Protein backbone atom coordinates (compact mmCIF):
# COMPACT_ATOMS: atom_id res chain seq x y z
CA MET A 1 92.52 73.49 122.28
CA LYS A 2 95.80 73.09 119.80
CA SER A 3 93.67 71.86 117.35
CA LEU A 4 91.35 74.82 117.02
CA ARG A 5 94.42 76.98 116.31
CA HIS A 6 95.53 74.51 113.60
CA ALA A 7 92.05 74.66 112.12
CA VAL A 8 91.69 78.10 112.00
CA ALA A 9 94.95 78.62 110.07
CA LEU A 10 93.26 76.91 107.28
CA ALA A 11 91.18 80.19 106.57
CA VAL A 12 94.03 82.40 106.33
CA PRO A 13 93.71 83.88 102.54
CA ALA A 14 92.14 87.10 103.08
CA VAL A 15 88.66 87.89 102.91
CA ALA A 16 89.14 91.47 101.25
CA ALA A 17 90.58 89.87 98.39
CA LEU A 18 87.76 87.37 97.76
CA GLY A 19 84.30 88.40 95.88
CA ALA A 20 81.08 87.94 98.30
CA GLY A 21 80.17 84.65 97.94
CA ALA A 22 83.76 83.34 98.87
CA ALA A 23 84.09 85.66 101.54
CA LEU A 24 80.59 84.39 102.82
CA ALA A 25 82.27 80.36 102.50
CA ALA A 26 85.25 81.60 104.52
CA VAL A 27 83.54 83.14 107.64
CA LEU A 28 80.92 79.95 107.45
CA ALA A 29 84.27 77.41 107.32
CA THR A 30 86.19 79.31 110.15
CA ALA A 31 82.82 79.45 112.37
CA ARG A 32 82.52 75.56 111.32
CA ARG A 33 85.97 74.95 112.49
CA VAL A 34 85.46 76.51 115.93
CA VAL A 35 82.34 74.05 116.85
CA THR A 36 83.42 70.70 114.93
CA PRO A 37 85.29 68.24 116.90
CA ALA A 38 88.39 67.40 115.09
CA PRO A 39 91.21 64.50 115.03
CA ARG A 40 94.12 65.08 117.35
CA ALA A 41 96.51 67.33 115.01
CA ASN A 42 100.43 65.99 114.85
CA ASP A 43 102.48 68.76 115.50
CA THR A 44 105.73 66.96 116.29
CA GLU A 45 108.50 65.19 113.95
CA ILE A 46 110.34 62.37 115.69
CA LEU A 47 114.04 62.78 114.03
CA ALA A 48 115.65 59.69 115.91
CA VAL A 49 115.12 57.05 118.56
CA ASP A 50 118.05 55.45 120.05
CA THR A 51 117.15 52.38 122.37
CA GLY A 52 119.95 51.73 123.48
CA ALA A 53 120.08 54.99 125.33
CA GLN A 54 116.65 55.06 125.66
CA THR A 55 116.34 58.64 124.02
CA ILE A 56 114.15 60.42 121.63
CA GLU A 57 114.95 63.29 119.42
CA LEU A 58 112.27 65.87 117.97
CA THR A 59 112.22 68.74 116.03
CA ARG A 60 112.42 71.65 118.29
CA THR A 61 109.11 73.94 119.36
CA SER A 62 107.54 75.77 121.78
CA ASP A 63 106.44 72.25 123.72
CA THR A 64 108.83 69.96 122.71
CA GLU A 65 111.33 72.27 124.30
CA LEU A 66 109.90 72.40 127.67
CA PRO A 67 111.19 71.09 130.91
CA GLY A 68 108.88 68.55 132.90
CA ARG A 69 107.17 65.00 132.02
CA TYR A 70 104.98 64.89 128.89
CA GLY A 71 103.79 62.51 126.63
CA LEU A 72 103.84 62.06 122.67
CA PHE A 73 101.03 60.20 120.47
CA THR A 74 102.69 57.94 117.82
CA THR A 75 101.44 55.48 115.47
CA GLY A 76 103.44 52.00 115.09
CA THR A 77 104.64 50.02 117.69
CA HIS A 78 103.83 52.21 120.49
CA GLY A 79 100.78 54.43 120.66
CA TYR A 80 101.54 56.66 123.50
CA VAL A 81 105.20 57.29 124.51
CA LYS A 82 106.08 59.44 127.70
CA LEU A 83 108.79 61.63 127.89
CA GLY A 84 111.31 62.77 130.61
CA ALA A 85 113.61 65.40 130.97
CA VAL A 86 115.40 67.56 128.09
CA LEU A 87 118.83 66.11 127.62
CA SER A 88 120.04 68.42 124.98
CA ALA A 89 119.01 70.66 122.53
CA ASP A 90 119.96 72.99 119.78
CA ALA A 91 118.08 75.23 117.53
CA LYS A 92 115.91 72.95 115.36
CA HIS A 93 116.53 69.63 117.56
CA VAL A 94 115.51 68.49 121.11
CA ARG A 95 116.96 65.12 122.82
CA ARG A 96 114.58 63.89 125.55
CA LYS A 97 114.59 60.88 127.92
CA LEU A 98 112.23 58.05 127.20
CA LEU A 99 110.24 57.21 130.28
CA THR A 100 108.54 54.38 128.13
CA GLN A 101 110.85 51.53 127.14
CA ILE A 102 111.29 51.10 123.59
CA GLU A 103 112.46 47.71 121.94
CA THR A 104 115.06 47.50 119.59
CA GLY A 105 113.20 47.25 116.28
CA ALA A 106 110.05 48.76 117.25
CA ARG A 107 108.58 50.53 114.48
CA ILE A 108 107.66 54.41 115.35
CA ASP A 109 106.31 56.75 112.24
CA ARG A 110 107.54 60.31 112.07
CA ASP A 111 104.69 61.78 112.57
CA ALA A 112 103.48 62.49 116.25
CA ALA A 113 101.20 64.99 118.69
CA PHE A 114 102.75 66.24 121.89
CA SER A 115 100.89 66.00 124.91
CA GLY A 116 100.56 66.92 128.51
CA TRP A 117 98.31 64.10 129.42
CA TYR A 118 101.27 61.89 130.65
CA TYR A 119 98.63 58.80 132.05
CA THR A 120 96.17 57.70 129.18
CA THR A 121 94.31 55.24 131.65
CA PRO A 122 93.36 55.05 135.08
CA SER A 123 95.36 51.83 135.63
CA GLU A 124 98.60 53.81 135.63
CA LEU A 125 97.73 55.49 138.65
CA HIS A 126 97.83 52.19 140.77
CA LEU A 127 94.84 53.42 142.59
CA PRO A 128 91.10 51.78 143.16
CA TRP A 129 88.72 52.95 140.57
CA GLU A 130 85.72 52.09 139.01
CA SER A 131 83.85 52.66 135.61
CA VAL A 132 80.55 54.28 135.83
CA LEU A 133 77.83 55.35 133.58
CA ILE A 134 75.96 58.94 134.36
CA GLY A 135 72.59 59.21 132.95
CA SER A 136 72.65 62.94 131.13
CA PRO A 137 70.32 64.53 128.97
CA ALA A 138 72.83 63.41 126.22
CA GLY A 139 72.41 59.87 127.39
CA PRO A 140 74.84 57.56 129.32
CA CYS A 141 77.99 59.41 129.57
CA PRO A 142 80.75 57.10 130.93
CA ALA A 143 82.74 58.08 133.97
CA TRP A 144 85.67 56.83 136.32
CA LEU A 145 85.12 57.09 140.07
CA PHE A 146 88.20 56.84 142.37
CA PRO A 147 86.74 56.25 145.72
CA ALA A 148 87.22 57.69 149.07
CA ASP A 149 85.60 58.25 152.22
CA SER A 150 84.60 62.04 152.10
CA ALA A 151 81.11 63.83 151.52
CA THR A 152 83.23 66.00 149.34
CA TRP A 153 83.68 64.85 145.87
CA VAL A 154 85.70 66.28 143.14
CA ILE A 155 84.26 66.25 139.61
CA GLN A 156 86.80 66.78 136.62
CA VAL A 157 85.77 67.92 133.20
CA HIS A 158 88.29 67.90 130.31
CA GLY A 159 88.95 70.26 127.68
CA ARG A 160 87.67 70.64 123.86
CA GLY A 161 89.29 67.81 121.36
CA THR A 162 90.60 65.58 124.10
CA THR A 163 88.97 62.86 126.60
CA ARG A 164 88.93 62.04 130.34
CA SER A 165 92.37 61.05 130.54
CA GLU A 166 93.56 64.84 130.34
CA CYS A 167 92.30 64.57 133.82
CA LEU A 168 94.24 61.59 135.39
CA ARG A 169 96.97 63.77 136.29
CA ALA A 170 94.83 65.80 138.98
CA VAL A 171 93.76 62.57 140.55
CA PRO A 172 96.45 61.78 143.15
CA VAL A 173 96.38 65.24 144.67
CA PHE A 174 92.67 64.80 145.27
CA LEU A 175 93.06 61.62 146.70
CA SER A 176 95.65 62.46 148.80
CA LEU A 177 93.08 65.28 150.31
CA GLY A 178 90.66 61.77 150.96
CA LEU A 179 88.85 63.03 148.30
CA PRO A 180 86.44 60.70 145.80
CA THR A 181 86.94 61.89 142.18
CA LEU A 182 84.84 61.41 139.45
CA VAL A 183 86.34 61.73 136.01
CA VAL A 184 83.41 62.51 133.64
CA SER A 185 82.78 62.80 129.65
CA TYR A 186 80.35 64.93 127.68
CA ARG A 187 78.60 64.96 124.89
CA ASN A 188 80.47 64.83 121.23
CA ASP A 189 83.86 64.09 123.06
CA GLY A 190 84.57 60.60 121.56
CA GLU A 191 83.60 59.05 124.79
CA ALA A 192 79.97 60.39 125.73
CA PRO A 193 76.86 60.22 123.07
CA ARG A 194 76.80 62.38 120.28
CA SER A 195 74.38 64.47 119.83
CA ARG A 196 72.26 65.10 116.37
CA GLY A 197 74.69 67.58 115.26
CA GLY A 198 77.88 66.43 116.99
CA SER A 199 79.05 69.92 117.21
CA TYR A 200 80.40 71.52 120.31
CA ALA A 201 78.34 74.41 122.21
CA LEU A 202 81.66 75.40 123.75
CA GLY A 203 79.94 75.20 127.21
CA ALA A 204 76.43 76.11 126.56
CA ALA A 205 75.14 73.15 126.14
CA GLU A 206 77.84 70.45 127.86
CA TRP A 207 77.17 71.77 131.44
CA ARG A 208 73.99 69.74 131.47
CA ASP A 209 76.14 66.93 131.29
CA VAL A 210 78.39 68.03 134.17
CA ASP A 211 75.19 68.96 136.08
CA ALA A 212 73.84 65.23 135.72
CA ALA A 213 76.96 64.13 137.22
CA ILE A 214 76.51 66.32 140.33
CA GLY A 215 73.43 64.46 140.91
CA TYR A 216 75.06 61.53 140.35
CA ALA A 217 77.60 62.29 143.22
CA LEU A 218 74.87 63.70 145.36
CA ARG A 219 73.09 60.17 144.95
CA HIS A 220 75.58 58.33 145.95
CA GLY A 221 76.81 60.01 149.26
CA ALA A 222 78.22 63.18 148.46
CA GLU A 223 77.15 66.32 150.11
CA ARG A 224 78.83 69.09 148.21
CA VAL A 225 81.25 68.70 145.13
CA VAL A 226 84.41 70.54 143.89
CA LEU A 227 84.23 71.36 140.06
CA MET A 228 87.38 70.83 138.22
CA GLY A 229 87.70 72.31 134.24
CA TRP A 230 90.68 71.64 132.05
CA SER A 231 90.79 74.51 129.39
CA MET A 232 87.11 74.23 127.41
CA GLY A 233 86.49 72.16 130.77
CA GLY A 234 86.58 75.20 132.49
CA ALA A 235 83.94 77.05 130.33
CA ILE A 236 81.79 74.06 130.98
CA VAL A 237 82.49 74.14 134.80
CA LEU A 238 81.73 77.45 134.78
CA GLN A 239 78.73 77.53 132.83
CA ALA A 240 77.38 74.98 135.49
CA ALA A 241 78.15 77.20 138.25
CA VAL A 242 75.51 79.54 137.56
CA SER A 243 72.97 77.57 135.82
CA SER A 244 73.07 74.17 137.68
CA GLY A 245 69.97 73.27 139.91
CA HIS A 246 72.23 71.81 142.26
CA ARG A 247 74.53 75.12 142.36
CA ASP A 248 74.28 75.14 146.11
CA ALA A 249 76.31 72.18 146.19
CA ILE A 250 79.39 73.52 144.36
CA ALA A 251 81.08 74.35 146.98
CA GLY A 252 84.38 75.38 144.94
CA ILE A 253 85.95 75.57 141.45
CA VAL A 254 89.50 74.45 140.44
CA LEU A 255 90.29 75.80 136.86
CA ASP A 256 93.44 74.86 134.74
CA SER A 257 93.91 76.62 131.55
CA PRO A 258 90.57 77.54 131.46
CA VAL A 259 88.32 79.26 128.62
CA VAL A 260 86.65 82.11 130.68
CA ASP A 261 85.59 84.18 127.88
CA TRP A 262 85.37 82.33 124.15
CA ARG A 263 85.83 85.61 122.14
CA THR A 264 89.07 86.81 124.02
CA VAL A 265 90.31 83.09 122.83
CA LEU A 266 89.01 83.08 119.43
CA ARG A 267 90.18 86.73 118.69
CA PHE A 268 93.48 85.38 119.71
CA GLN A 269 93.70 82.24 117.81
CA ALA A 270 92.95 84.03 114.85
CA ARG A 271 95.79 86.48 115.64
CA GLU A 272 98.09 83.59 115.92
CA ALA A 273 96.90 82.00 112.59
CA GLY A 274 97.29 85.58 110.76
CA LEU A 275 93.77 86.22 110.40
CA ARG A 276 92.98 90.10 110.59
CA GLU A 277 89.28 91.24 111.22
CA PRO A 278 86.72 91.30 110.42
CA LEU A 279 86.93 87.51 109.55
CA PRO A 280 87.02 86.42 113.32
CA LEU A 281 84.10 88.95 114.36
CA LEU A 282 81.98 87.54 111.21
CA ALA A 283 82.83 84.02 112.10
CA MET A 284 81.45 84.43 115.49
CA ASN A 285 78.41 86.52 114.31
CA ALA A 286 77.56 83.85 112.04
CA LEU A 287 77.64 81.19 115.05
CA SER A 288 76.00 83.63 117.26
CA SER A 289 72.74 84.27 114.64
CA ALA A 290 70.07 82.06 114.43
CA VAL A 291 69.85 82.64 110.68
CA THR A 292 73.64 81.25 110.16
CA ALA A 293 74.35 79.31 113.05
CA ARG A 294 73.20 75.84 111.61
CA LEU A 295 75.09 76.95 108.59
CA SER A 296 78.18 77.22 110.57
CA GLY A 297 78.13 73.62 111.78
CA ALA A 298 76.35 74.81 115.15
CA GLU A 299 73.46 72.85 116.56
CA GLN A 300 72.14 75.87 118.32
CA VAL A 301 73.30 79.14 118.41
CA ILE A 302 76.27 80.26 120.45
CA PRO A 303 75.17 82.63 122.94
CA PHE A 304 79.05 84.51 123.28
CA ASP A 305 77.60 86.88 126.05
CA GLN A 306 76.64 84.14 127.79
CA LEU A 307 79.87 82.49 127.75
CA ASP A 308 81.37 85.35 128.94
CA MET A 309 81.85 84.74 132.77
CA VAL A 310 84.05 88.07 133.18
CA ALA A 311 80.64 89.80 132.00
CA ARG A 312 78.62 87.59 134.37
CA ALA A 313 81.42 87.61 137.47
CA ALA A 314 78.83 88.96 139.82
CA GLU A 315 76.70 85.64 139.32
CA LEU A 316 79.56 83.66 141.03
CA GLN A 317 79.18 82.39 144.21
CA ALA A 318 81.68 79.51 144.94
CA PRO A 319 85.61 80.07 145.93
CA ILE A 320 87.67 79.96 142.54
CA LEU A 321 91.37 78.84 142.26
CA ILE A 322 92.70 79.57 138.70
CA LEU A 323 95.70 78.04 137.58
CA HIS A 324 96.65 79.61 134.27
CA SER A 325 100.37 80.34 132.79
CA ASP A 326 100.80 83.90 131.50
CA ASP A 327 102.75 81.85 128.65
CA ASP A 328 99.71 79.33 128.01
CA GLY A 329 99.89 80.21 123.99
CA PHE A 330 96.43 78.78 123.03
CA VAL A 331 94.21 79.87 125.63
CA PRO A 332 95.26 83.79 126.88
CA ALA A 333 95.36 84.07 130.11
CA ASP A 334 93.98 87.76 129.81
CA ALA A 335 90.30 86.38 130.64
CA SER A 336 91.61 84.48 133.72
CA HIS A 337 93.38 87.77 135.30
CA ALA A 338 90.19 90.05 134.55
CA LEU A 339 87.78 87.23 136.21
CA ALA A 340 90.36 87.37 139.28
CA GLU A 341 90.31 91.45 139.10
CA ALA A 342 86.25 91.28 138.80
CA ARG A 343 86.39 89.34 141.85
CA PRO A 344 89.21 89.13 144.23
CA ASP A 345 86.59 88.27 147.00
CA ILE A 346 86.44 84.61 145.48
CA VAL A 347 89.42 83.80 143.08
CA THR A 348 92.28 83.01 143.92
CA MET A 349 95.06 83.00 140.93
CA PRO A 350 98.77 82.35 141.83
CA ARG A 351 101.14 83.54 139.25
CA PHE A 352 102.29 80.52 136.84
CA THR A 353 105.15 81.33 134.01
CA GLY A 354 106.54 79.25 131.71
CA ALA A 355 104.38 76.32 130.86
CA ARG A 356 102.15 75.95 128.13
CA HIS A 357 98.26 75.53 127.78
CA THR A 358 97.45 72.64 130.17
CA LYS A 359 101.00 71.50 131.03
CA LEU A 360 101.30 73.40 134.44
CA TRP A 361 101.56 69.78 136.31
CA ASN A 362 104.04 68.63 133.76
CA TYR A 363 106.16 71.60 133.92
CA ASP A 364 106.34 72.43 137.71
CA GLN A 365 104.25 69.51 139.11
CA ASN A 366 105.38 70.40 142.78
CA ALA A 367 104.07 73.84 142.53
CA TRP A 368 100.88 72.92 140.85
CA THR A 369 100.33 70.60 143.33
CA ALA A 370 100.87 72.71 146.34
CA ALA A 371 98.77 75.31 145.07
CA ILE A 372 95.81 73.09 145.06
CA THR A 373 96.77 71.46 148.31
CA GLU A 374 96.83 74.71 150.11
CA TRP A 375 94.03 76.08 148.29
CA MET A 376 91.89 73.16 149.12
CA THR A 377 93.15 72.51 152.59
CA ALA A 378 92.39 76.42 153.84
CA ARG A 379 89.00 75.90 152.51
CA GLY A 380 88.33 72.56 154.56
CA PHE A 381 87.81 70.48 151.25
CA THR A 382 89.29 67.27 153.32
CA ALA A 383 88.36 64.01 154.12
CA SER A 384 87.06 65.51 157.65
CA VAL A 385 84.11 67.00 155.94
């Protein structure tokens, strides 16, 4: 999601100052960036590494100053470095403890990307797992299965511009409840098959790959499933909850920093990037029109009304736990709060502040884990059933 904000910022020139042709090009370019998968953006500068003290100094940002455990995508000797506590900070710099051993002489380039993933491979969890393939309408989608002896399975769905590794943080809490956990991929995420156009449908098509994963779980011993979605994965999960042919098997939903309504998110991202109306509205109109959707890079019309789960709140039937920081910074929590207000009978939303987007586990692992454990246990989502 962070890369979306960076992409939107590229369209900052005021449309009002442009001619009609240039204005149309700006609208289509903005729309195209919404649905086009983009590489991870470097957003952090490494200023120094002390291999003796095993510390790293970074530029200070809203992310790098956060307490907790995080990761840093780098280039050079180490591709991914784990970060621990903040040791010191001033107005421009943050010094953190390194949790990945950096050897003297190791080459680490200055440009890096800050991450909440922490774990990058399933083997880092030191838990039994296996790779499986899930046959979906998009083709065979790779998944990681962490087995356990229960008829209740958890299926995790990652967010925009990331991969399955984003979900690994949540595997231990579900396995501690005795629940098998299936961590899935979906079309155009860089691991699952690419569709013809290779663009995101923002959940309107990707939910079918999650539906296939539900079918896989049901064929392999599950009697019911709990879906967990991260960021755009939340939008995908919510679409599956109202559209899946297996919806009666969906017993619960856990959402971390979810996209509940795309229009709310895109308007927020546009404001953060300094864009003013009507450009965001025009870009969304371009994506939702059959005439201009393909010119905007979409393979199909983006149905923003269909993706607005506040408006469709009455269609939801499974209990939902929403974990969303009011200081998210990339996907505002407004729509999550609106969904909680619209369906207080099924939505539980404990208050989180201080954390950033999809970094609640990193920021306060104990509170995050307790919220999931208590909610799951209260609803009987344990190995006993």
